[in-house]
């Protein structure tokens, strides 16, 4: 499968880096006996996340400002925020994180630890290739728990395939169609960075993500960093 970040994304974010890791042959089923391991992983991630929200005024923290500024540069659904803002807000409120499924727990722990948006998709559910770029508008999108379509807006930055939107507003919200589940066997994990400082963190975050995946699943994921100079990859 080919993953491509389109030119219109790089025009908005020339310093961005989209880091991807393909992981194939997974057994992502939940084993409740492993819940303490994943709860500990998430707790440690939340503790590390505190370093990125030192200011009591939550919205003034650098990570929050960076992503709000990024979201102001393209059409978004009203109230849409980066996924990392949602996670850091929970940390700032003292709310705990509970296990969901192994792969999601691992990438959430890394997202918290490095204050970067992380996500994942089931490769077997992607139709054709996966793209990141501007929506034409109207791409079908059913978020988790929705009863009706919530199509993408024109000019919105989305992940999409031949069937419709996969994630809206970068990694704000993902489609139920391609989400990671206990049945997922082949997946792609994504970490987003929009400037040089974030890109450096993303390099370290991907290495930790690769290590955690290898430790739990005994599978070594293949990492690729997409940039304006190298905007696509086959996985």
C-alpha atoms as a PDB file:
ATOM      1  CA  UNK A   1       0.000   0.000   0.000  1.00  0.00           C
ATOM      2  CA  UNK A   2       1.161   3.513  -0.799  1.00  0.00           C
ATOM      3  CA  UNK A   3       0.886   6.378   1.702  1.00  0.00           C
ATOM      4  CA  UNK A   4       1.118   9.857   0.197  1.00  0.00           C
ATOM      5  CA  UNK A   5       1.155  13.310   1.772  1.00  0.00           C
ATOM      6  CA  UNK A   6      -0.124  15.657  -0.922  1.00  0.00           C
ATOM      7  CA  UNK A   7       1.446  18.951  -1.993  1.00  0.00           C
ATOM      8  CA  UNK A   8      -1.327  21.083  -0.496  1.00  0.00           C
ATOM      9  CA  UNK A   9      -0.370  19.836   2.976  1.00  0.00           C
ATOM     10  CA  UNK A  10       3.306  20.791   2.523  1.00  0.00           C
ATOM     11  CA  UNK A  11       2.273  24.232   1.225  1.00  0.00           C
ATOM     12  CA  UNK A  12       0.637  24.869   4.606  1.00  0.00           C
ATOM     13  CA  UNK A  13       3.245  23.078   6.726  1.00  0.00           C
ATOM     14  CA  UNK A  14       6.607  23.030   4.900  1.00  0.00           C
ATOM     15  CA  UNK A  15       8.546  21.971   8.033  1.00  0.00           C
ATOM     16  CA  UNK A  16       6.164  19.173   8.936  1.00  0.00           C
ATOM     17  CA  UNK A  17       7.073  15.527   9.318  1.00  0.00           C
ATOM     18  CA  UNK A  18       4.563  12.678   9.166  1.00  0.00           C
ATOM     19  CA  UNK A  19       6.149   9.620  10.754  1.00  0.00           C
ATOM     20  CA  UNK A  20       4.611   6.243   9.963  1.00  0.00           C
ATOM     21  CA  UNK A  21       5.219   2.711  11.156  1.00  0.00           C
ATOM     22  CA  UNK A  22       3.759  -0.390   9.517  1.00  0.00           C
ATOM     23  CA  UNK A  23       3.142  -3.331  11.848  1.00  0.00           C
ATOM     24  CA  UNK A  24       1.947  -6.610  10.337  1.00  0.00           C
ATOM     25  CA  UNK A  25       0.894  -9.961  11.779  1.00  0.00           C
ATOM     26  CA  UNK A  26      -0.537  -8.632  15.043  1.00  0.00           C
ATOM     27  CA  UNK A  27      -2.635 -10.321  17.684  1.00  0.00           C
ATOM     28  CA  UNK A  28      -4.344  -7.255  19.131  1.00  0.00           C
ATOM     29  CA  UNK A  29      -6.898  -9.103  21.242  1.00  0.00           C
ATOM     30  CA  UNK A  30      -7.411  -7.840  24.777  1.00  0.00           C
ATOM     31  CA  UNK A  31      -5.999 -10.026  27.547  1.00  0.00           C
ATOM     32  CA  UNK A  32      -7.396  -8.678  30.803  1.00  0.00           C
ATOM     33  CA  UNK A  33      -4.482 -10.185  32.732  1.00  0.00           C
ATOM     34  CA  UNK A  34      -2.296  -7.614  30.936  1.00  0.00           C
ATOM     35  CA  UNK A  35      -4.450  -4.649  32.013  1.00  0.00           C
ATOM     36  CA  UNK A  36      -2.078  -3.708  34.885  1.00  0.00           C
ATOM     37  CA  UNK A  37       0.795  -3.483  32.369  1.00  0.00           C
ATOM     38  CA  UNK A  38      -1.141  -1.154  30.072  1.00  0.00           C
ATOM     39  CA  UNK A  39      -2.556   0.897  32.954  1.00  0.00           C
ATOM     40  CA  UNK A  40       1.006   1.410  34.212  1.00  0.00           C
ATOM     41  CA  UNK A  41       2.151   2.375  30.704  1.00  0.00           C
ATOM     42  CA  UNK A  42      -0.620   4.971  30.410  1.00  0.00           C
ATOM     43  CA  UNK A  43       0.018   6.311  33.925  1.00  0.00           C
ATOM     44  CA  UNK A  44       3.708   6.769  33.129  1.00  0.00           C
ATOM     45  CA  UNK A  45       2.810   8.544  29.889  1.00  0.00           C
ATOM     46  CA  UNK A  46       0.461  10.881  31.740  1.00  0.00           C
ATOM     47  CA  UNK A  47       3.198  11.676  34.254  1.00  0.00           C
ATOM     48  CA  UNK A  48       5.670  12.488  31.473  1.00  0.00           C
ATOM     49  CA  UNK A  49       3.029  14.643  29.770  1.00  0.00           C
ATOM     50  CA  UNK A  50       3.030  17.010  32.748  1.00  0.00           C
ATOM     51  CA  UNK A  51       6.360  18.388  31.486  1.00  0.00           C
ATOM     52  CA  UNK A  52       4.536  19.849  28.481  1.00  0.00           C
ATOM     53  CA  UNK A  53       1.836  21.706  30.444  1.00  0.00           C
ATOM     54  CA  UNK A  54       3.757  23.718  33.076  1.00  0.00           C
ATOM     55  CA  UNK A  55       1.573  26.812  32.763  1.00  0.00           C
ATOM     56  CA  UNK A  56      -1.589  26.702  34.880  1.00  0.00           C
ATOM     57  CA  UNK A  57      -3.368  28.517  32.048  1.00  0.00           C
ATOM     58  CA  UNK A  58      -3.777  25.423  29.875  1.00  0.00           C
ATOM     59  CA  UNK A  59      -4.263  27.200  26.558  1.00  0.00           C
ATOM     60  CA  UNK A  60      -1.011  29.144  26.970  1.00  0.00           C
ATOM     61  CA  UNK A  61       1.179  26.037  26.920  1.00  0.00           C
ATOM     62  CA  UNK A  62       3.430  25.798  23.866  1.00  0.00           C
ATOM     63  CA  UNK A  63       2.100  22.486  22.553  1.00  0.00           C
ATOM     64  CA  UNK A  64      -1.482  23.747  22.709  1.00  0.00           C
ATOM     65  CA  UNK A  65      -0.562  27.020  20.994  1.00  0.00           C
ATOM     66  CA  UNK A  66       1.372  25.233  18.234  1.00  0.00           C
ATOM     67  CA  UNK A  67      -1.567  23.020  17.299  1.00  0.00           C
ATOM     68  CA  UNK A  68      -4.232  25.693  17.625  1.00  0.00           C
ATOM     69  CA  UNK A  69      -2.190  27.849  15.264  1.00  0.00           C
ATOM     70  CA  UNK A  70      -1.872  24.908  12.876  1.00  0.00           C
ATOM     71  CA  UNK A  71      -5.629  24.273  12.940  1.00  0.00           C
ATOM     72  CA  UNK A  72      -6.265  27.955  12.190  1.00  0.00           C
ATOM     73  CA  UNK A  73      -4.590  27.523   8.807  1.00  0.00           C
ATOM     74  CA  UNK A  74      -7.270  25.303   7.281  1.00  0.00           C
ATOM     75  CA  UNK A  75     -11.027  24.791   7.379  1.00  0.00           C
ATOM     76  CA  UNK A  76     -12.116  22.857  10.476  1.00  0.00           C
ATOM     77  CA  UNK A  77     -15.325  21.747  12.075  1.00  0.00           C
ATOM     78  CA  UNK A  78     -16.211  24.211  14.841  1.00  0.00           C
ATOM     79  CA  UNK A  79     -14.505  23.211  18.086  1.00  0.00           C
ATOM     80  CA  UNK A  80     -12.123  20.709  16.516  1.00  0.00           C
ATOM     81  CA  UNK A  81      -8.828  20.400  18.399  1.00  0.00           C
ATOM     82  CA  UNK A  82      -5.726  18.294  17.888  1.00  0.00           C
ATOM     83  CA  UNK A  83      -5.880  14.870  19.516  1.00  0.00           C
ATOM     84  CA  UNK A  84      -2.896  15.744  21.710  1.00  0.00           C
ATOM     85  CA  UNK A  85      -4.774  18.732  23.153  1.00  0.00           C
ATOM     86  CA  UNK A  86      -7.574  16.399  24.215  1.00  0.00           C
ATOM     87  CA  UNK A  87      -5.093  14.057  25.921  1.00  0.00           C
ATOM     88  CA  UNK A  88      -3.164  16.831  27.657  1.00  0.00           C
ATOM     89  CA  UNK A  89      -6.410  18.404  28.847  1.00  0.00           C
ATOM     90  CA  UNK A  90      -7.295  15.149  30.580  1.00  0.00           C
ATOM     91  CA  UNK A  91      -3.889  15.147  32.257  1.00  0.00           C
ATOM     92  CA  UNK A  92      -4.341  18.751  33.390  1.00  0.00           C
ATOM     93  CA  UNK A  93      -7.698  17.806  34.925  1.00  0.00           C
ATOM     94  CA  UNK A  94      -6.182  14.853  36.784  1.00  0.00           C
ATOM     95  CA  UNK A  95      -8.279  12.309  34.879  1.00  0.00           C
ATOM     96  CA  UNK A  96      -6.960   8.778  34.450  1.00  0.00           C
ATOM     97  CA  UNK A  97      -6.534   6.723  31.284  1.00  0.00           C
ATOM     98  CA  UNK A  98      -7.844   3.176  31.096  1.00  0.00           C
ATOM     99  CA  UNK A  99      -6.801   0.403  28.687  1.00  0.00           C
ATOM    100  CA  UNK A 100      -8.676   0.105  25.365  1.00  0.00           C
ATOM    101  CA  UNK A 101      -6.728  -2.432  23.320  1.00  0.00           C
ATOM    102  CA  UNK A 102      -2.985  -3.152  23.200  1.00  0.00           C
ATOM    103  CA  UNK A 103      -2.035  -1.162  20.102  1.00  0.00           C
ATOM    104  CA  UNK A 104      -4.144   1.865  21.040  1.00  0.00           C
ATOM    105  CA  UNK A 105      -2.811   1.818  24.608  1.00  0.00           C
ATOM    106  CA  UNK A 106       0.776   1.729  23.363  1.00  0.00           C
ATOM    107  CA  UNK A 107       0.389   4.646  20.959  1.00  0.00           C
ATOM    108  CA  UNK A 108      -1.590   6.671  23.505  1.00  0.00           C
ATOM    109  CA  UNK A 109       1.215   6.214  26.038  1.00  0.00           C
ATOM    110  CA  UNK A 110       3.750   7.466  23.473  1.00  0.00           C
ATOM    111  CA  UNK A 111       1.477  10.350  22.447  1.00  0.00           C
ATOM    112  CA  UNK A 112       1.314  11.454  26.088  1.00  0.00           C
ATOM    113  CA  UNK A 113       5.029  10.953  26.718  1.00  0.00           C
ATOM    114  CA  UNK A 114       6.121  13.135  23.796  1.00  0.00           C
ATOM    115  CA  UNK A 115       3.108  15.471  23.525  1.00  0.00           C
ATOM    116  CA  UNK A 116       2.563  14.608  19.879  1.00  0.00           C
ATOM    117  CA  UNK A 117      -0.593  13.510  18.038  1.00  0.00           C
ATOM    118  CA  UNK A 118      -0.532   9.762  17.410  1.00  0.00           C
ATOM    119  CA  UNK A 119      -3.050   7.598  15.618  1.00  0.00           C
ATOM    120  CA  UNK A 120      -3.460   4.268  13.919  1.00  0.00           C
ATOM    121  CA  UNK A 121      -5.486   2.623  11.180  1.00  0.00           C
ATOM    122  CA  UNK A 122      -6.321  -0.939  10.195  1.00  0.00           C
ATOM    123  CA  UNK A 123      -4.526  -1.475   6.890  1.00  0.00           C
ATOM    124  CA  UNK A 124      -6.966  -4.164   5.796  1.00  0.00           C
ATOM    125  CA  UNK A 125      -9.798  -1.621   5.948  1.00  0.00           C
ATOM    126  CA  UNK A 126      -8.063   1.002   3.770  1.00  0.00           C
ATOM    127  CA  UNK A 127      -9.367   1.092   0.189  1.00  0.00           C
ATOM    128  CA  UNK A 128      -6.608   1.824  -2.332  1.00  0.00           C
ATOM    129  CA  UNK A 129      -3.889   4.069  -0.920  1.00  0.00           C
ATOM    130  CA  UNK A 130      -3.896   6.351   2.119  1.00  0.00           C
ATOM    131  CA  UNK A 131      -3.535  10.099   1.525  1.00  0.00           C
ATOM    132  CA  UNK A 132      -3.151  13.222   3.659  1.00  0.00           C
ATOM    133  CA  UNK A 133      -4.295  16.406   1.990  1.00  0.00           C
ATOM    134  CA  UNK A 134      -7.163  18.846   1.472  1.00  0.00           C
ATOM    135  CA  UNK A 135     -10.711  17.543   1.253  1.00  0.00           C
ATOM    136  CA  UNK A 136     -12.815  18.352  -1.769  1.00  0.00           C
ATOM    137  CA  UNK A 137     -15.772  18.382   0.597  1.00  0.00           C
ATOM    138  CA  UNK A 138     -18.426  15.751   1.131  1.00  0.00           C
ATOM    139  CA  UNK A 139     -16.086  12.794   1.683  1.00  0.00           C
ATOM    140  CA  UNK A 140     -18.153  10.334   3.761  1.00  0.00           C
ATOM    141  CA  UNK A 141     -17.128   9.942   7.377  1.00  0.00           C
ATOM    142  CA  UNK A 142     -18.748   8.007  10.204  1.00  0.00           C
ATOM    143  CA  UNK A 143     -16.988   8.640  13.537  1.00  0.00           C
ATOM    144  CA  UNK A 144     -17.164   6.092  16.330  1.00  0.00           C
ATOM    145  CA  UNK A 145     -20.660   5.898  17.773  1.00  0.00           C
ATOM    146  CA  UNK A 146     -22.253   8.053  15.069  1.00  0.00           C
ATOM    147  CA  UNK A 147     -25.621   7.225  13.556  1.00  0.00           C
ATOM    148  CA  UNK A 148     -25.271   9.523  10.564  1.00  0.00           C
ATOM    149  CA  UNK A 149     -22.623  10.663   8.116  1.00  0.00           C
ATOM    150  CA  UNK A 150     -20.468  13.646   9.109  1.00  0.00           C
ATOM    151  CA  UNK A 151     -18.777  14.443   5.775  1.00  0.00           C
ATOM    152  CA  UNK A 152     -15.556  16.402   5.477  1.00  0.00           C
ATOM    153  CA  UNK A 153     -15.627  20.121   4.739  1.00  0.00           C
ATOM    154  CA  UNK A 154     -14.057  21.640   1.606  1.00  0.00           C
ATOM    155  CA  UNK A 155     -10.376  22.543   2.216  1.00  0.00           C
ATOM    156  CA  UNK A 156     -10.268  20.589   5.496  1.00  0.00           C
ATOM    157  CA  UNK A 157      -7.010  18.687   6.029  1.00  0.00           C
ATOM    158  CA  UNK A 158      -7.921  15.005   6.195  1.00  0.00           C
ATOM    159  CA  UNK A 159      -6.558  11.516   5.800  1.00  0.00           C
ATOM    160  CA  UNK A 160      -8.551   9.759   3.088  1.00  0.00           C
ATOM    161  CA  UNK A 161      -8.693   6.702   0.860  1.00  0.00           C
ATOM    162  CA  UNK A 162     -10.780   5.662  -2.152  1.00  0.00           C
ATOM    163  CA  UNK A 163     -13.887   5.242   0.013  1.00  0.00           C
ATOM    164  CA  UNK A 164     -13.865   8.490   1.972  1.00  0.00           C
ATOM    165  CA  UNK A 165     -12.354  10.286   4.943  1.00  0.00           C
ATOM    166  CA  UNK A 166     -10.275   8.216   7.365  1.00  0.00           C
ATOM    167  CA  UNK A 167      -9.356  10.991   9.856  1.00  0.00           C
ATOM    168  CA  UNK A 168     -10.743  14.522   9.887  1.00  0.00           C
ATOM    169  CA  UNK A 169      -8.823  17.686  10.818  1.00  0.00           C
ATOM    170  CA  UNK A 170      -5.495  15.863  10.782  1.00  0.00           C
ATOM    171  CA  UNK A 171      -5.803  13.413  13.702  1.00  0.00           C
ATOM    172  CA  UNK A 172      -8.773  15.073  15.459  1.00  0.00           C
ATOM    173  CA  UNK A 173     -11.270  12.285  14.924  1.00  0.00           C
ATOM    174  CA  UNK A 174     -11.129   9.004  13.043  1.00  0.00           C
ATOM    175  CA  UNK A 175     -13.623   6.913  11.131  1.00  0.00           C
ATOM    176  CA  UNK A 176     -15.132   3.824  12.679  1.00  0.00           C
ATOM    177  CA  UNK A 177     -14.523   2.087   9.334  1.00  0.00           C
ATOM    178  CA  UNK A 178     -10.711   1.974   9.667  1.00  0.00           C
ATOM    179  CA  UNK A 179     -10.162   2.203  13.437  1.00  0.00           C
ATOM    180  CA  UNK A 180      -7.928  -0.253  15.280  1.00  0.00           C
ATOM    181  CA  UNK A 181      -9.863  -3.080  16.934  1.00  0.00           C
ATOM    182  CA  UNK A 182      -9.102  -6.399  18.589  1.00  0.00           C
ATOM    183  CA  UNK A 183      -9.426  -7.987  15.136  1.00  0.00           C
ATOM    184  CA  UNK A 184      -6.739  -5.775  13.577  1.00  0.00           C
ATOM    185  CA  UNK A 185      -3.817  -7.805  12.214  1.00  0.00           C
ATOM    186  CA  UNK A 186      -2.032  -5.242  10.001  1.00  0.00           C
ATOM    187  CA  UNK A 187      -1.809  -1.606  11.050  1.00  0.00           C
ATOM    188  CA  UNK A 188      -0.163   1.700  10.285  1.00  0.00           C
ATOM    189  CA  UNK A 189       0.688   4.012  13.198  1.00  0.00           C
ATOM    190  CA  UNK A 190       1.186   7.723  12.580  1.00  0.00           C
ATOM    191  CA  UNK A 191       2.875  10.510  14.563  1.00  0.00           C
ATOM    192  CA  UNK A 192       2.390  14.102  13.383  1.00  0.00           C
ATOM    193  CA  UNK A 193       4.850  16.990  13.732  1.00  0.00           C
ATOM    194  CA  UNK A 194       4.477  20.441  12.214  1.00  0.00           C
ATOM    195  CA  UNK A 195       7.812  22.119  12.999  1.00  0.00           C
ATOM    196  CA  UNK A 196      11.457  21.228  13.509  1.00  0.00           C
ATOM    197  CA  UNK A 197      11.283  20.944  17.288  1.00  0.00           C
ATOM    198  CA  UNK A 198       8.305  18.591  17.101  1.00  0.00           C
ATOM    199  CA  UNK A 199       9.973  16.592  14.315  1.00  0.00           C
ATOM    200  CA  UNK A 200      12.956  15.904  16.565  1.00  0.00           C
ATOM    201  CA  UNK A 201      10.606  14.689  19.314  1.00  0.00           C
ATOM    202  CA  UNK A 202       8.779  12.550  16.775  1.00  0.00           C
ATOM    203  CA  UNK A 203      12.002  10.765  15.819  1.00  0.00           C
ATOM    204  CA  UNK A 204      12.504   9.742  19.457  1.00  0.00           C
ATOM    205  CA  UNK A 205       8.810   8.960  19.905  1.00  0.00           C
ATOM    206  CA  UNK A 206       8.818   6.599  16.925  1.00  0.00           C
ATOM    207  CA  UNK A 207      11.791   4.700  18.311  1.00  0.00           C
ATOM    208  CA  UNK A 208       9.999   4.252  21.633  1.00  0.00           C
ATOM    209  CA  UNK A 209       6.815   3.219  19.831  1.00  0.00           C
ATOM    210  CA  UNK A 210       8.764   0.671  17.798  1.00  0.00           C
ATOM    211  CA  UNK A 211      10.399  -0.691  20.960  1.00  0.00           C
ATOM    212  CA  UNK A 212       7.109  -1.027  22.863  1.00  0.00           C
ATOM    213  CA  UNK A 213       5.407  -2.744  19.931  1.00  0.00           C
ATOM    214  CA  UNK A 214       8.321  -5.149  19.554  1.00  0.00           C
ATOM    215  CA  UNK A 215       8.357  -5.867  23.286  1.00  0.00           C
ATOM    216  CA  UNK A 216       4.647  -6.715  23.459  1.00  0.00           C
ATOM    217  CA  UNK A 217       3.896  -8.204  20.033  1.00  0.00           C
ATOM    218  CA  UNK A 218       7.357  -9.576  19.151  1.00  0.00           C
ATOM    219  CA  UNK A 219       7.072  -7.740  15.813  1.00  0.00           C
ATOM    220  CA  UNK A 220       9.456  -5.037  14.618  1.00  0.00           C
ATOM    221  CA  UNK A 221       7.604  -2.256  12.845  1.00  0.00           C
ATOM    222  CA  UNK A 222       9.039  -0.502   9.794  1.00  0.00           C
ATOM    223  CA  UNK A 223       9.476   3.251  10.309  1.00  0.00           C
ATOM    224  CA  UNK A 224       9.384   5.935   7.593  1.00  0.00           C
ATOM    225  CA  UNK A 225       9.484   9.706   8.080  1.00  0.00           C
ATOM    226  CA  UNK A 226       7.588  11.576   5.353  1.00  0.00           C
ATOM    227  CA  UNK A 227       8.710  15.134   4.560  1.00  0.00           C
ATOM    228  CA  UNK A 228       8.217  17.669   1.771  1.00  0.00           C
ATOM    229  CA  UNK A 229      11.342  16.203   0.119  1.00  0.00           C
ATOM    230  CA  UNK A 230      10.127  12.599   0.545  1.00  0.00           C
ATOM    231  CA  UNK A 231       6.316  12.738   0.648  1.00  0.00           C
ATOM    232  CA  UNK A 232       5.309   9.116   0.005  1.00  0.00           C
ATOM    233  CA  UNK A 233       6.166   5.545   0.910  1.00  0.00           C
ATOM    234  CA  UNK A 234       5.118   2.007   0.162  1.00  0.00           C
ATOM    235  CA  UNK A 235       4.344  -0.082   3.228  1.00  0.00           C
END
